[in-house]
Amino acid sequence: MSRPALTAGFTLFELAVVLAMAALLAGLTVPGFQRFSRELQLSRSANALLVALHQARGAAIARGVPVALHTSTDTGWRVIAEPPGSEELLSHTELPAGILIQGNRSRVVFWPATRAGTTATFTLCDAQHLAVPRAIIVSQTGRPRAARAAADGSALECIDA
């Protein structure tokens, strides 16, 4: 009686080829995933800043006192109610590691009454330059908006710290 040939399993060569292909594919996808991850972090940070500015503006109107948003280049921002003679921290947001905030001002104040204010542009940047910078522009009336270009339409630039 003859024995049937063994056909189950893989040879060492086949296993090595499959592992080499898996390593190659992993090597090709990691940079793309890193870029996607940084884009997501930058987008989330820009959205959080936009929300904080809207909340600061609304809090100034609702409370009847000035409310300021203070930024810090590498840590994030704080929203502070500033009634005469005291301060109250309303919120604090920290940026993810490697995300920076740059702007033409480090403080924006929203007043309880509608009046002309100071414009500001905040640019959120990726320290590794993997993600496209985002801008949050505050108009003279205090309305913030998100943008992918500077207020004058030029490309956003990040200054290396």
Protein backbone atom coordinates (compact mmCIF):
# COMPACT_ATOMS: atom_id res chain seq x y z
CA MET A 1 0.00 0.00 0.00
CA SER A 2 1.42 3.38 -0.99
CA ARG A 3 1.29 6.45 1.22
CA PRO A 4 -0.40 9.64 -0.07
CA ALA A 5 1.90 12.64 -0.63
CA LEU A 6 1.73 15.33 2.01
CA THR A 7 0.28 18.48 0.44
CA ALA A 8 -0.74 20.45 3.51
CA GLY A 9 1.42 23.31 4.83
CA PHE A 10 3.92 25.76 3.40
CA THR A 11 7.56 25.44 2.55
CA LEU A 12 10.13 27.63 4.23
CA PHE A 13 10.66 29.48 0.94
CA GLU A 14 6.93 30.27 0.57
CA LEU A 15 6.79 31.54 4.15
CA ALA A 16 9.84 33.78 3.58
CA VAL A 17 8.28 35.26 0.41
CA VAL A 18 5.00 36.04 2.19
CA LEU A 19 6.82 37.65 5.14
CA ALA A 20 8.96 39.75 2.78
CA MET A 21 5.84 40.98 0.95
CA ALA A 22 4.11 41.81 4.25
CA ALA A 23 7.17 43.78 5.40
CA LEU A 24 7.27 45.68 2.10
CA LEU A 25 3.59 46.59 2.30
CA ALA A 26 3.94 47.68 5.93
CA GLY A 27 6.91 49.86 4.98
CA LEU A 28 4.88 51.54 2.26
CA THR A 29 1.81 52.21 4.40
CA VAL A 30 3.43 53.56 7.59
CA PRO A 31 4.40 57.00 6.13
CA GLY A 32 0.92 57.42 4.68
CA PHE A 33 -0.63 56.52 8.01
CA GLN A 34 1.64 58.99 9.83
CA ARG A 35 0.63 61.77 7.44
CA PHE A 36 -3.07 60.87 7.83
CA SER A 37 -2.71 60.81 11.63
CA ARG A 38 -1.06 64.26 11.70
CA GLU A 39 -3.70 65.69 9.35
CA LEU A 40 -6.39 64.38 11.70
CA GLN A 41 -4.69 65.85 14.79
CA LEU A 42 -4.23 69.21 13.08
CA SER A 43 -7.84 69.27 11.89
CA ARG A 44 -9.14 68.37 15.36
CA SER A 45 -7.00 71.10 16.93
CA ALA A 46 -8.23 73.70 14.43
CA ASN A 47 -11.85 72.70 15.07
CA ALA A 48 -11.31 72.87 18.85
CA LEU A 49 -9.84 76.39 18.52
CA LEU A 50 -12.76 77.47 16.35
CA VAL A 51 -15.22 76.16 18.96
CA ALA A 52 -13.29 77.87 21.79
CA LEU A 53 -13.43 81.21 19.97
CA HIS A 54 -17.20 80.85 19.39
CA GLN A 55 -17.68 79.92 23.05
CA ALA A 56 -15.59 82.88 24.24
CA ARG A 57 -17.64 85.24 22.09
CA GLY A 58 -20.90 83.75 23.37
CA ALA A 59 -19.72 83.83 26.99
CA ALA A 60 -18.86 87.52 26.71
CA ILE A 61 -22.38 88.30 25.51
CA ALA A 62 -24.10 86.00 28.01
CA ARG A 63 -22.05 87.11 31.06
CA GLY A 64 -21.82 90.76 30.13
CA VAL A 65 -18.05 90.87 30.77
CA PRO A 66 -14.98 90.73 28.52
CA VAL A 67 -13.79 87.20 27.75
CA ALA A 68 -10.31 86.58 26.36
CA LEU A 69 -8.69 83.66 24.60
CA HIS A 70 -4.96 83.43 25.39
CA THR A 71 -2.70 81.23 23.24
CA SER A 72 0.64 79.65 23.99
CA THR A 73 2.83 78.50 21.10
CA ASP A 74 3.24 74.86 22.11
CA THR A 75 0.72 74.23 24.88
CA GLY A 76 -2.65 75.41 23.58
CA TRP A 77 -5.05 78.08 24.81
CA ARG A 78 -7.10 79.26 27.76
CA VAL A 79 -10.46 81.05 27.76
CA ILE A 80 -10.73 83.51 30.64
CA ALA A 81 -13.63 85.72 31.75
CA GLU A 82 -12.17 89.06 32.79
CA PRO A 83 -14.67 91.01 34.86
CA PRO A 84 -13.11 94.12 36.45
CA GLY A 85 -10.88 93.14 39.36
CA SER A 86 -10.85 89.37 38.84
CA GLU A 87 -10.44 86.53 36.36
CA GLU A 88 -12.21 83.20 35.92
CA LEU A 89 -10.83 80.33 33.86
CA LEU A 90 -13.66 79.06 31.66
CA SER A 91 -11.74 76.42 29.69
CA HIS A 92 -8.26 75.19 28.91
CA THR A 93 -7.18 73.13 25.89
CA GLU A 94 -3.81 71.51 25.36
CA LEU A 95 -2.45 70.81 21.89
CA PRO A 96 -1.27 67.32 20.90
CA ALA A 97 2.50 66.87 20.89
CA GLY A 98 4.07 68.35 17.77
CA ILE A 99 1.15 70.65 16.93
CA LEU A 100 1.97 74.36 17.27
CA ILE A 101 -0.21 77.46 17.25
CA GLN A 102 1.17 80.67 15.78
CA GLY A 103 -0.61 83.95 15.36
CA ASN A 104 -0.36 87.65 14.88
CA ARG A 105 -1.72 88.01 18.45
CA SER A 106 -1.43 85.87 21.57
CA ARG A 107 -4.68 87.22 23.04
CA VAL A 108 -8.10 88.00 21.59
CA VAL A 109 -10.71 89.78 23.73
CA PHE A 110 -14.42 89.53 23.08
CA TRP A 111 -16.58 92.31 24.52
CA PRO A 112 -20.19 91.95 25.69
CA ALA A 113 -21.44 94.71 23.41
CA THR A 114 -21.14 94.60 19.65
CA ARG A 115 -18.37 96.88 18.53
CA ALA A 116 -15.42 96.83 16.21
CA GLY A 117 -12.62 94.65 17.49
CA THR A 118 -9.19 93.53 16.54
CA THR A 119 -8.68 91.00 13.79
CA ALA A 120 -6.50 87.97 14.43
CA THR A 121 -5.18 85.02 12.48
CA PHE A 122 -4.07 81.82 14.21
CA THR A 123 -2.16 79.22 12.21
CA LEU A 124 -1.96 75.65 13.44
CA CYS A 125 1.17 73.87 12.24
CA ASP A 126 2.68 70.42 12.37
CA ALA A 127 6.25 70.54 13.72
CA GLN A 128 7.16 67.56 11.49
CA HIS A 129 5.69 69.26 8.38
CA LEU A 130 3.59 66.19 7.56
CA ALA A 131 0.26 68.03 7.58
CA VAL A 132 -1.01 71.08 5.70
CA PRO A 133 -1.33 74.11 8.04
CA ARG A 134 -4.79 75.35 9.03
CA ALA A 135 -5.83 78.91 9.85
CA ILE A 136 -8.51 80.31 12.11
CA ILE A 137 -9.29 83.92 11.20
CA VAL A 138 -11.18 86.24 13.54
CA SER A 139 -12.92 89.08 11.71
CA GLN A 140 -13.23 92.62 13.01
CA THR A 141 -16.75 91.83 14.21
CA GLY A 142 -15.41 88.90 16.25
CA ARG A 143 -16.61 86.07 14.04
CA PRO A 144 -14.08 83.24 13.70
CA ARG A 145 -13.82 81.07 10.59
CA ALA A 146 -11.59 78.24 9.42
CA ALA A 147 -9.41 78.61 6.32
CA ARG A 148 -6.66 76.86 4.41
CA ALA A 149 -5.13 80.16 3.26
CA ALA A 150 -4.21 83.43 4.94
CA ALA A 151 -6.77 86.25 5.15
CA ASP A 152 -5.22 87.87 2.06
CA GLY A 153 -5.45 84.59 0.12
CA SER A 154 -1.74 83.76 0.29
CA ALA A 155 -0.42 80.36 1.36
CA LEU A 156 -0.09 79.69 5.08
CA GLU A 157 3.43 79.65 6.43
CA CYS A 158 4.68 78.03 9.60
CA ILE A 159 7.70 79.52 11.31
CA ASP A 160 9.97 76.88 12.80
CA ALA A 161 10.36 77.47 16.50
